[in-house]
Amino acid sequence: MKYSDSNNFSNQILRNRSFQGQVLNGADFSGADVRGCNFRNAQLAGANFLGAKIGLSRRQIAVLSAGAIAICLVVGDVLTRLILGTQGQVPGSGSWPFVLLLYGVLSAAGFASAIASKQPQTSAGRLARTISAILSGALLGFFYAGTATNNNSQAALAGMSIGGVLMFLVNSRIRSQFAQVAIASAGSVATYAAAFLFSATASAFLSTHKLFWGMCFGLLSLLYLWFAFVSFSALVREIGNAEGTSFRGANLADAKFDINYLYLKSKI
């Protein structure tokens, strides 16, 4: 079969270009830089990608990294405000149930995020990621709904439910790289926030000479600090391993790839 010379892209710099849905059967991309290119649903039967550079472009890495930093700052600000709001609360006060709720939700979110980071490809890891996403969304919904209604407890709880449902839908329905990085970022910050909360609690107990509880919460803070390290490390890996050159839905019958195809197959 004879193909047009217009499909000769060999040794060209094509970073971040879109070839989505195009008919490129037999096209020559040998030696080309196709990092960040979009070949979704394209016809690439017999195409030649030998020696092509496949993967993330610098622009994609910058966008994902900037998004992760922005999510971390937003979630970090919310959780810091929630934690500071618990300081000085004592058992029996009207706000004490919400203090206990914060302890429980942050603890569960941090633990789930660590499990999801250590076992991302297992069913347990996927379930843990879903739980982490729901709880992170619940905390954001609780804060913003409460703030918008002058700390109305019923509105805050309603916002908590809505935030959790929205994050569940994002995690289960939206498979974009940015959405997944955002969920991992929120979970990582929640894990660190749990470590911070336990550390503050340990300091409060130790300052009143309650050594047993101070040591217990101190150990918990160290444990969750390690969980946070695991979560943030996994976030960095997720950005680095994100899909760069996309071939999802493309017809790659008889297409030629070199060793990069071994990496590519896990991304299709």
Protein backbone atom coordinates (compact mmCIF):
# COMPACT_ATOMS: atom_id res chain seq x y z
CA MET A 1 0.00 0.00 0.00
CA LYS A 2 1.36 3.40 -0.99
CA TYR A 3 0.96 6.30 1.41
CA SER A 4 1.19 10.02 0.80
CA ASP A 5 4.36 11.94 1.62
CA SER A 6 2.15 14.30 3.60
CA ASN A 7 2.22 11.64 6.31
CA ASN A 8 6.00 11.88 6.68
CA PHE A 9 6.74 13.32 10.14
CA SER A 10 10.10 11.66 10.68
CA ASN A 11 12.56 13.47 12.96
CA GLN A 12 10.17 16.39 13.49
CA ILE A 13 9.40 18.13 16.78
CA LEU A 14 5.67 17.59 17.27
CA ARG A 15 5.29 18.05 21.01
CA ASN A 16 1.75 18.65 22.32
CA ARG A 17 0.11 18.48 18.88
CA SER A 18 -3.30 16.88 18.43
CA PHE A 19 -3.84 14.17 15.81
CA GLN A 20 -7.10 13.02 17.38
CA GLY A 21 -9.32 11.08 15.00
CA GLN A 22 -7.06 11.67 11.99
CA VAL A 23 -6.35 9.03 9.32
CA LEU A 24 -2.60 8.48 9.48
CA ASN A 25 -2.27 4.90 8.24
CA GLY A 26 1.34 4.20 7.35
CA ALA A 27 2.54 7.58 8.61
CA ASP A 28 6.23 7.87 9.41
CA PHE A 29 6.92 9.24 12.91
CA SER A 30 10.34 7.63 13.21
CA GLY A 31 12.71 9.69 15.33
CA ALA A 32 10.04 12.33 15.94
CA ASP A 33 9.37 13.97 19.29
CA VAL A 34 5.70 13.12 19.94
CA ARG A 35 5.74 13.74 23.69
CA GLY A 36 2.42 15.14 24.80
CA CYS A 37 0.74 14.40 21.46
CA ASN A 38 -2.89 13.30 21.28
CA PHE A 39 -3.49 10.31 18.94
CA ARG A 40 -6.81 9.28 20.48
CA ASN A 41 -9.07 7.40 18.06
CA ALA A 42 -6.63 8.01 15.19
CA GLN A 43 -6.08 5.50 12.38
CA LEU A 44 -2.40 4.49 12.68
CA ALA A 45 -2.31 1.11 10.97
CA GLY A 46 1.24 0.41 9.82
CA ALA A 47 2.55 3.68 11.26
CA ASN A 48 6.26 3.84 12.10
CA PHE A 49 7.19 5.10 15.56
CA LEU A 50 10.67 3.57 15.70
CA GLY A 51 12.98 5.88 17.65
CA ALA A 52 10.16 8.30 18.48
CA LYS A 53 10.21 10.09 21.83
CA ILE A 54 7.00 9.08 23.64
CA GLY A 55 5.73 10.30 27.02
CA LEU A 56 5.18 13.50 28.99
CA SER A 57 6.16 16.87 27.60
CA ARG A 58 7.59 19.58 29.83
CA ARG A 59 4.39 21.58 29.45
CA GLN A 60 2.30 18.66 30.69
CA ILE A 61 4.58 18.17 33.69
CA ALA A 62 4.37 21.90 34.48
CA VAL A 63 0.56 21.95 34.24
CA LEU A 64 0.11 18.86 36.42
CA SER A 65 2.65 20.10 38.98
CA ALA A 66 1.04 23.55 39.15
CA GLY A 67 -2.37 21.96 39.58
CA ALA A 68 -1.12 19.72 42.37
CA ILE A 69 0.46 22.67 44.18
CA ALA A 70 -2.73 24.73 43.85
CA ILE A 71 -4.88 21.90 45.24
CA CYS A 72 -2.44 21.36 48.12
CA LEU A 73 -2.56 25.06 49.02
CA VAL A 74 -6.36 25.25 48.92
CA VAL A 75 -6.94 22.04 50.89
CA GLY A 76 -4.11 22.89 53.28
CA ASP A 77 -5.66 26.29 54.05
CA VAL A 78 -9.09 24.72 54.70
CA LEU A 79 -7.75 21.98 56.98
CA THR A 80 -5.52 24.41 58.88
CA ARG A 81 -8.54 26.60 59.62
CA LEU A 82 -10.56 23.58 60.75
CA ILE A 83 -7.79 22.35 63.04
CA LEU A 84 -7.19 25.77 64.56
CA GLY A 85 -10.92 25.98 65.22
CA THR A 86 -10.69 22.92 67.46
CA GLN A 87 -8.09 24.43 69.73
CA GLY A 88 -9.44 25.28 73.14
CA GLN A 89 -12.55 23.14 72.75
CA VAL A 90 -13.26 20.89 75.75
CA PRO A 91 -15.46 17.81 76.23
CA GLY A 92 -19.04 18.78 76.88
CA SER A 93 -18.95 21.98 74.85
CA GLY A 94 -21.42 22.46 72.00
CA SER A 95 -18.65 22.14 69.42
CA TRP A 96 -17.12 18.97 70.87
CA PRO A 97 -19.00 16.55 68.53
CA PHE A 98 -17.54 18.40 65.56
CA VAL A 99 -14.06 18.15 67.09
CA LEU A 100 -14.46 14.39 67.35
CA LEU A 101 -15.82 14.31 63.80
CA LEU A 102 -12.72 16.12 62.55
CA TYR A 103 -10.43 13.66 64.34
CA GLY A 104 -12.29 10.71 62.87
CA VAL A 105 -12.53 11.99 59.29
CA LEU A 106 -8.91 13.18 59.12
CA SER A 107 -7.64 9.90 60.61
CA ALA A 108 -9.63 7.81 58.12
CA ALA A 109 -8.72 10.03 55.15
CA GLY A 110 -5.02 9.91 55.99
CA PHE A 111 -4.98 6.16 56.49
CA ALA A 112 -6.91 5.58 53.26
CA SER A 113 -4.57 7.85 51.33
CA ALA A 114 -1.55 5.90 52.59
CA ILE A 115 -3.10 2.57 51.58
CA ALA A 116 -4.00 3.93 48.15
CA SER A 117 -0.43 5.17 47.71
CA LYS A 118 1.17 1.86 48.67
CA GLN A 119 -1.19 -0.39 46.67
CA PRO A 120 -2.52 1.72 43.78
CA GLN A 121 -3.25 -1.18 41.42
CA THR A 122 -5.05 -3.48 43.87
CA SER A 123 -8.76 -3.54 44.66
CA ALA A 124 -7.94 -2.51 48.24
CA GLY A 125 -5.91 0.43 46.94
CA ARG A 126 -8.69 1.58 44.60
CA LEU A 127 -11.24 1.33 47.41
CA ALA A 128 -8.93 3.28 49.72
CA ARG A 129 -8.52 5.97 47.05
CA THR A 130 -12.28 6.27 46.77
CA ILE A 131 -12.63 6.59 50.54
CA SER A 132 -9.86 9.19 50.67
CA ALA A 133 -11.53 11.19 47.89
CA ILE A 134 -14.95 11.10 49.60
CA LEU A 135 -13.57 12.16 52.98
CA SER A 136 -11.43 14.95 51.50
CA GLY A 137 -14.48 16.27 49.65
CA ALA A 138 -16.55 15.99 52.81
CA LEU A 139 -14.08 18.14 54.75
CA LEU A 140 -14.05 20.80 52.02
CA GLY A 141 -17.85 20.80 51.83
CA PHE A 142 -18.14 21.06 55.61
CA PHE A 143 -15.83 24.06 55.75
CA TYR A 144 -17.21 26.05 52.83
CA ALA A 145 -20.88 25.40 53.68
CA GLY A 146 -20.26 26.29 57.31
CA THR A 147 -18.35 29.45 56.42
CA ALA A 148 -20.99 30.57 53.92
CA THR A 149 -23.78 30.21 56.52
CA ASN A 150 -21.98 31.76 59.51
CA ASN A 151 -21.11 28.38 61.03
CA ASN A 152 -24.59 26.90 60.79
CA SER A 153 -24.11 23.29 61.88
CA GLN A 154 -26.92 21.84 59.76
CA ALA A 155 -25.67 23.60 56.64
CA ALA A 156 -22.12 22.45 57.35
CA LEU A 157 -23.25 18.82 57.63
CA ALA A 158 -25.27 19.16 54.43
CA GLY A 159 -22.22 20.60 52.70
CA MET A 160 -20.18 17.73 54.05
CA SER A 161 -22.53 15.23 52.40
CA ILE A 162 -22.58 17.13 49.12
CA GLY A 163 -18.80 17.48 49.05
CA GLY A 164 -18.34 13.77 49.66
CA VAL A 165 -20.78 12.83 46.88
CA LEU A 166 -19.16 15.23 44.42
CA MET A 167 -15.69 13.83 45.08
CA PHE A 168 -17.03 10.30 44.73
CA LEU A 169 -18.40 11.20 41.30
CA VAL A 170 -15.14 12.87 40.27
CA ASN A 171 -13.14 9.84 41.36
CA SER A 172 -15.42 7.30 39.69
CA ARG A 173 -16.50 9.15 36.55
CA ILE A 174 -13.70 11.48 35.55
CA ARG A 175 -10.56 9.68 34.42
CA SER A 176 -8.55 12.71 33.36
CA GLN A 177 -5.01 12.95 34.66
CA PHE A 178 -5.68 16.27 36.35
CA ALA A 179 -8.64 14.89 38.31
CA GLN A 180 -6.61 11.94 39.56
CA VAL A 181 -3.69 14.18 40.55
CA ALA A 182 -6.11 16.52 42.34
CA ILE A 183 -7.57 13.63 44.35
CA ALA A 184 -4.10 12.37 45.28
CA SER A 185 -3.06 15.90 46.28
CA ALA A 186 -6.09 16.37 48.55
CA GLY A 187 -5.50 12.99 50.19
CA SER A 188 -1.83 13.75 50.79
CA VAL A 189 -2.63 17.08 52.47
CA ALA A 190 -5.31 15.43 54.61
CA THR A 191 -2.73 12.89 55.77
CA TYR A 192 -0.29 15.61 56.79
CA ALA A 193 -3.12 17.54 58.48
CA ALA A 194 -3.92 14.46 60.58
CA ALA A 195 -0.27 14.30 61.64
CA PHE A 196 -0.39 17.99 62.57
CA LEU A 197 -3.61 17.55 64.57
CA PHE A 198 -2.20 14.60 66.51
CA SER A 199 1.00 16.51 67.17
CA ALA A 200 -0.93 19.49 68.56
CA THR A 201 -2.99 17.15 70.73
CA ALA A 202 0.16 15.46 72.03
CA SER A 203 1.63 18.85 72.94
CA ALA A 204 -1.56 19.81 74.78
CA PHE A 205 -1.49 16.61 76.86
CA LEU A 206 2.21 16.87 77.61
CA SER A 207 1.85 20.50 78.70
CA THR A 208 -0.61 19.35 81.36
CA HIS A 209 1.69 16.46 82.40
CA LYS A 210 -0.60 13.75 81.01
CA LEU A 211 2.32 11.69 79.77
CA PHE A 212 0.45 8.56 78.70
CA TRP A 213 -1.95 10.33 76.34
CA GLY A 214 0.77 12.69 75.23
CA MET A 215 2.97 9.79 74.19
CA CYS A 216 0.07 7.99 72.47
CA PHE A 217 -0.80 10.98 70.34
CA GLY A 218 2.88 11.68 69.76
CA LEU A 219 3.32 8.19 68.30
CA LEU A 220 0.20 8.67 66.19
CA SER A 221 1.60 11.92 64.84
CA LEU A 222 4.84 10.17 63.83
CA LEU A 223 2.88 7.37 62.17
CA TYR A 224 0.77 9.80 60.15
CA LEU A 225 3.84 11.83 59.30
CA TRP A 226 5.22 8.69 57.67
CA PHE A 227 1.85 8.17 55.96
CA ALA A 228 2.13 11.72 54.62
CA PHE A 229 5.63 11.03 53.27
CA VAL A 230 4.31 7.92 51.51
CA SER A 231 1.35 9.85 50.06
CA PHE A 232 3.39 12.80 48.79
CA SER A 233 6.00 10.45 47.30
CA ALA A 234 3.23 8.61 45.45
CA LEU A 235 1.85 11.95 44.22
CA VAL A 236 5.22 12.84 42.70
CA ARG A 237 5.39 9.42 41.03
CA GLU A 238 1.85 9.79 39.72
CA ILE A 239 2.75 13.06 38.03
CA GLY A 240 5.90 11.52 36.56
CA ASN A 241 4.06 8.44 35.31
CA ALA A 242 1.05 10.29 33.92
CA GLU A 243 -0.01 9.60 30.36
CA GLY A 244 1.88 11.86 27.99
CA THR A 245 1.46 10.64 24.43
CA SER A 246 -2.10 9.32 24.25
CA PHE A 247 -3.06 6.44 21.93
CA ARG A 248 -6.37 5.57 23.57
CA GLY A 249 -8.82 4.17 21.06
CA ALA A 250 -6.30 4.41 18.22
CA ASN A 251 -5.95 1.69 15.57
CA LEU A 252 -2.35 0.53 15.98
CA ALA A 253 -2.53 -2.60 13.81
CA ASP A 254 0.98 -3.39 12.50
CA ALA A 255 2.32 -0.11 13.89
CA LYS A 256 6.04 -0.21 14.62
CA PHE A 257 7.45 0.77 17.99
CA ASP A 258 10.80 0.27 19.64
CA ILE A 259 11.34 -0.47 23.35
CA ASN A 260 9.21 2.58 24.28
CA TYR A 261 6.19 0.52 23.31
CA LEU A 262 6.69 -1.63 26.41
CA TYR A 263 5.95 1.49 28.44
CA LEU A 264 3.25 2.63 26.07
CA LYS A 265 1.16 -0.54 26.36
CA SER A 266 0.42 0.18 30.01
CA LYS A 267 -0.97 3.59 29.07
CA ILE A 268 -3.36 2.61 26.26
